[in-house]
Amino acid sequence: MPIITLPDGNQKSFNQPVSIAEIAASIGPGLANAAIAGEVNGTLIDTTLAIDFDANIRIITAKDNEGIHIIRHSFAHLVGHAVKQLYPTAKMAIGPVIENGFYYDIAYKKTFSPDDLNKIESRINDLIKQNYEVKVEVVSKEIARKTFKERDEPYKLQIIDEIPENETIKLYRHQEYVDMCRGPHVPNTKHLRAFSLMKVSGAYWRGNSENEMLQRIYGTAWSNSKELKKYIHKLE
């Protein structure tokens, strides 16, 4: 029976394993709706993963710095989702968070044009408006390798081969699209609204000039449209 200690010192007892989403709901509907992730004994986790031990927890929302980071990382996954729908033969490499935004490295036979970038951004907008659930699954290396072999994603397979045997692998399912990440990510695309794709450039796989050249799609993302407009105005 986990005992959950909140930041204000209050404690909640549960008679079975409990998720961040359930803890947030027990506090109030507003927090349940705003929860993006949780910090459990100093480690960030997804809202749907079960906690079966006593823990100090903090609910992460878009107002937190960690929440902005998670939003940006989740938008990188949305780039992957949109690109694979529009250009099914594209191969996805990595999509990390950077200052003020994110990028995704992609292998594709054709150079992405400004028109392609607009199409990808439009498709992302279509996807996020569906408010679909982002489902996380903790898997073994064997299952992860099988998943991306079936999806014909060679860069993901290279990454999996370098993961230590005892390290957790998480698959994130965005409808038909599957990505791999340490996470956490937003539980639903309703948290993803304020973003803009900025540019495309070339980037060597793993930053090594002896490797193949990939295309890097850059984007910026914020917790709300006001912050996004403020950033775009600053750039201008």
Protein backbone atom coordinates (compact mmCIF):
# COMPACT_ATOMS: atom_id res chain seq x y z
CA MET A 1 0.00 0.00 0.00
CA PRO A 2 1.99 3.04 -1.19
CA ILE A 3 2.07 6.17 0.92
CA ILE A 4 2.42 9.24 -1.30
CA THR A 5 3.94 12.39 0.18
CA LEU A 6 3.08 15.64 -1.62
CA PRO A 7 5.32 18.75 -1.78
CA ASP A 8 3.34 20.45 1.04
CA GLY A 9 3.95 17.47 3.33
CA ASN A 10 0.45 16.04 3.11
CA GLN A 11 0.26 12.30 2.63
CA LYS A 12 -2.14 10.07 0.75
CA SER A 13 -2.41 6.30 1.23
CA PHE A 14 -3.55 3.97 -1.53
CA ASN A 15 -4.50 0.31 -1.20
CA GLN A 16 -2.99 -0.61 -4.58
CA PRO A 17 -0.36 0.66 -7.03
CA VAL A 18 -1.28 4.17 -8.15
CA SER A 19 -0.36 6.35 -11.13
CA ILE A 20 0.45 10.05 -11.25
CA ALA A 21 -2.81 10.57 -13.14
CA GLU A 22 -4.77 8.90 -10.32
CA ILE A 23 -2.93 10.89 -7.65
CA ALA A 24 -3.67 14.13 -9.51
CA ALA A 25 -7.35 13.14 -9.83
CA SER A 26 -7.52 12.47 -6.09
CA ILE A 27 -6.38 16.05 -5.49
CA GLY A 28 -8.75 17.72 -7.94
CA PRO A 29 -10.12 17.70 -11.51
CA GLY A 30 -8.16 20.82 -12.48
CA LEU A 31 -4.84 19.23 -11.60
CA ALA A 32 -5.87 15.95 -13.22
CA ASN A 33 -6.55 17.80 -16.47
CA ALA A 34 -3.26 19.75 -16.31
CA ALA A 35 -0.92 16.89 -15.29
CA ILE A 36 1.79 16.22 -17.87
CA ALA A 37 4.10 14.00 -15.82
CA GLY A 38 5.21 13.30 -12.29
CA GLU A 39 8.42 13.59 -10.32
CA VAL A 40 8.79 10.53 -8.12
CA ASN A 41 11.65 10.60 -5.61
CA GLY A 42 13.45 13.01 -7.94
CA THR A 43 12.84 11.05 -11.17
CA LEU A 44 10.40 12.15 -13.88
CA ILE A 45 7.90 9.50 -15.01
CA ASP A 46 4.84 9.27 -17.24
CA THR A 47 1.44 9.92 -15.70
CA THR A 48 0.17 6.39 -16.48
CA LEU A 49 2.99 4.34 -14.95
CA ALA A 50 2.13 2.66 -11.63
CA ILE A 51 3.87 3.46 -8.34
CA ASP A 52 3.84 0.56 -5.88
CA PHE A 53 6.14 1.98 -3.21
CA ASP A 54 6.22 4.88 -0.74
CA ALA A 55 7.33 8.01 -2.57
CA ASN A 56 7.65 11.76 -2.54
CA ILE A 57 5.89 13.03 -5.63
CA ARG A 58 5.29 16.27 -7.47
CA ILE A 59 2.77 16.73 -10.26
CA ILE A 60 4.34 18.35 -13.34
CA THR A 61 2.25 20.73 -15.48
CA ALA A 62 2.96 23.08 -18.38
CA LYS A 63 3.74 25.82 -15.85
CA ASP A 64 6.88 23.94 -14.71
CA ASN A 65 10.24 24.07 -16.50
CA GLU A 66 10.14 20.28 -16.67
CA GLY A 67 6.71 20.54 -18.28
CA ILE A 68 8.00 22.78 -21.08
CA HIS A 69 10.83 20.31 -21.70
CA ILE A 70 8.35 17.43 -21.93
CA ILE A 71 6.07 19.40 -24.26
CA ARG A 72 9.00 20.08 -26.60
CA HIS A 73 10.10 16.46 -26.57
CA SER A 74 6.56 15.32 -27.31
CA PHE A 75 6.40 17.70 -30.26
CA ALA A 76 9.49 16.00 -31.67
CA HIS A 77 7.49 12.76 -31.65
CA LEU A 78 4.68 14.59 -33.46
CA VAL A 79 7.16 15.48 -36.21
CA GLY A 80 7.84 11.76 -36.56
CA HIS A 81 4.13 10.95 -36.61
CA ALA A 82 3.39 13.55 -39.29
CA VAL A 83 6.43 12.75 -41.43
CA LYS A 84 5.68 9.02 -41.50
CA GLN A 85 2.10 9.72 -42.57
CA LEU A 86 3.15 12.11 -45.34
CA TYR A 87 6.37 10.34 -46.40
CA PRO A 88 6.04 6.66 -45.37
CA THR A 89 9.50 5.65 -46.64
CA ALA A 90 11.29 8.20 -44.41
CA LYS A 91 13.51 6.69 -41.70
CA MET A 92 13.48 8.27 -38.25
CA ALA A 93 16.74 8.77 -36.33
CA ILE A 94 16.72 10.92 -33.16
CA GLY A 95 14.58 13.81 -31.94
CA PRO A 96 15.92 15.51 -28.81
CA VAL A 97 15.04 18.74 -27.02
CA ILE A 98 17.27 21.78 -27.49
CA GLU A 99 17.13 25.33 -26.14
CA ASN A 100 13.70 26.82 -26.92
CA GLY A 101 12.65 23.83 -28.98
CA PHE A 102 13.50 20.49 -30.54
CA TYR A 103 14.63 18.80 -33.73
CA TYR A 104 14.28 15.46 -35.47
CA ASP A 105 16.90 13.88 -37.75
CA ILE A 106 15.35 12.04 -40.68
CA ALA A 107 16.64 10.06 -43.66
CA TYR A 108 14.62 10.65 -46.82
CA LYS A 109 15.45 10.34 -50.51
CA LYS A 110 14.15 13.83 -51.34
CA THR A 111 15.30 17.09 -49.77
CA PHE A 112 12.51 18.61 -47.69
CA SER A 113 11.43 21.95 -49.15
CA PRO A 114 9.71 24.90 -47.40
CA ASP A 115 6.48 23.54 -48.88
CA ASP A 116 7.17 20.15 -47.28
CA LEU A 117 7.78 21.89 -43.96
CA ASN A 118 4.41 23.64 -44.23
CA LYS A 119 2.73 20.31 -45.01
CA ILE A 120 4.35 18.66 -41.99
CA GLU A 121 3.32 21.52 -39.71
CA SER A 122 -0.23 21.39 -41.03
CA ARG A 123 -0.40 17.63 -40.46
CA ILE A 124 0.89 18.07 -36.88
CA ASN A 125 -1.90 20.57 -36.27
CA ASP A 126 -4.41 18.05 -37.60
CA LEU A 127 -3.02 15.35 -35.30
CA ILE A 128 -2.91 17.36 -32.08
CA LYS A 129 -6.48 18.55 -32.53
CA GLN A 130 -7.58 14.92 -32.29
CA ASN A 131 -6.62 14.97 -28.60
CA TYR A 132 -5.46 11.37 -28.80
CA GLU A 133 -3.83 9.48 -25.96
CA VAL A 134 -0.08 8.87 -26.08
CA LYS A 135 0.42 5.36 -24.75
CA VAL A 136 3.67 4.24 -23.12
CA GLU A 137 4.86 0.64 -22.88
CA VAL A 138 7.94 -0.61 -21.01
CA VAL A 139 9.55 -3.37 -23.07
CA SER A 140 12.62 -5.60 -23.33
CA LYS A 141 15.39 -5.02 -25.87
CA GLU A 142 14.10 -8.05 -27.77
CA ILE A 143 10.62 -6.60 -28.17
CA ALA A 144 11.98 -3.14 -29.02
CA ARG A 145 14.25 -4.64 -31.68
CA LYS A 146 11.39 -6.71 -33.12
CA THR A 147 9.12 -3.64 -33.20
CA PHE A 148 11.51 -1.46 -35.17
CA LYS A 149 12.69 -4.26 -37.42
CA GLU A 150 9.08 -4.77 -38.47
CA ARG A 151 8.76 -1.02 -39.01
CA ASP A 152 11.98 -0.95 -41.07
CA GLU A 153 13.67 1.70 -38.90
CA PRO A 154 17.45 1.01 -39.12
CA TYR A 155 18.51 4.00 -37.02
CA LYS A 156 16.30 2.94 -34.14
CA LEU A 157 17.83 -0.55 -34.33
CA GLN A 158 21.32 0.95 -34.07
CA ILE A 159 20.27 2.87 -30.96
CA ILE A 160 18.73 -0.24 -29.39
CA ASP A 161 21.93 -2.23 -29.94
CA GLU A 162 23.83 0.34 -27.85
CA ILE A 163 21.42 0.30 -24.91
CA PRO A 164 22.74 -1.63 -21.86
CA GLU A 165 20.88 -4.87 -21.18
CA ASN A 166 19.59 -3.66 -17.79
CA GLU A 167 18.27 -0.31 -19.03
CA THR A 168 14.55 0.27 -19.39
CA ILE A 169 13.23 0.83 -22.92
CA LYS A 170 9.96 2.67 -23.45
CA LEU A 171 7.88 2.65 -26.59
CA TYR A 172 5.53 5.57 -27.13
CA ARG A 173 2.53 4.87 -29.32
CA HIS A 174 0.98 7.79 -31.15
CA GLN A 175 -1.92 6.03 -32.84
CA GLU A 176 -0.22 3.99 -35.62
CA TYR A 177 3.17 5.66 -35.07
CA VAL A 178 5.67 4.20 -32.60
CA ASP A 179 8.74 5.96 -31.22
CA MET A 180 11.29 5.07 -28.57
CA CYS A 181 12.46 7.32 -25.75
CA ARG A 182 13.40 7.54 -22.09
CA GLY A 183 10.47 9.91 -21.63
CA PRO A 184 8.34 11.03 -20.05
CA HIS A 185 5.92 12.43 -22.62
CA VAL A 186 2.54 14.12 -22.43
CA PRO A 187 -0.32 11.65 -21.90
CA ASN A 188 -2.53 13.32 -24.50
CA THR A 189 -2.01 15.69 -27.43
CA LYS A 190 -4.40 18.17 -25.79
CA HIS A 191 -1.28 19.46 -24.01
CA LEU A 192 0.40 20.23 -27.35
CA ARG A 193 -0.79 23.41 -29.05
CA ALA A 194 1.81 26.20 -29.31
CA PHE A 195 4.56 25.32 -31.77
CA SER A 196 6.15 26.24 -35.08
CA LEU A 197 8.51 24.39 -37.39
CA MET A 198 11.44 26.69 -38.11
CA LYS A 199 13.79 25.25 -40.71
CA VAL A 200 15.45 22.20 -42.25
CA SER A 201 19.21 21.66 -42.40
CA GLY A 202 21.66 18.84 -42.99
CA ALA A 203 23.16 16.82 -40.15
CA TYR A 204 25.46 13.80 -40.16
CA TRP A 205 24.19 10.73 -38.33
CA ARG A 206 25.72 10.79 -34.85
CA GLY A 207 27.52 14.02 -35.80
CA ASN A 208 30.18 12.03 -37.63
CA SER A 209 31.12 13.28 -41.11
CA GLU A 210 31.96 9.70 -42.11
CA ASN A 211 28.29 8.76 -41.65
CA GLU A 212 25.39 9.49 -43.96
CA MET A 213 23.83 12.94 -44.16
CA LEU A 214 20.35 13.25 -42.67
CA GLN A 215 17.81 16.06 -42.72
CA ARG A 216 17.18 17.89 -39.46
CA ILE A 217 13.79 19.52 -38.93
CA TYR A 218 13.92 22.22 -36.25
CA GLY A 219 10.94 23.46 -34.29
CA THR A 220 10.06 25.57 -31.29
CA ALA A 221 7.30 24.84 -28.75
CA TRP A 222 5.87 26.61 -25.71
CA SER A 223 3.22 26.10 -23.08
CA ASN A 224 0.81 28.56 -24.70
CA SER A 225 0.37 30.70 -27.82
CA LYS A 226 1.29 33.90 -25.97
CA GLU A 227 4.76 32.55 -25.16
CA LEU A 228 5.18 31.28 -28.72
CA LYS A 229 4.27 34.68 -30.22
CA LYS A 230 6.62 36.39 -27.80
CA TYR A 231 9.50 34.14 -28.91
CA ILE A 232 8.76 34.57 -32.62
CA HIS A 233 8.60 38.35 -32.13
CA LYS A 234 11.96 38.24 -30.37
CA LEU A 235 13.50 36.37 -33.30
CA GLU A 236 12.07 38.87 -35.76
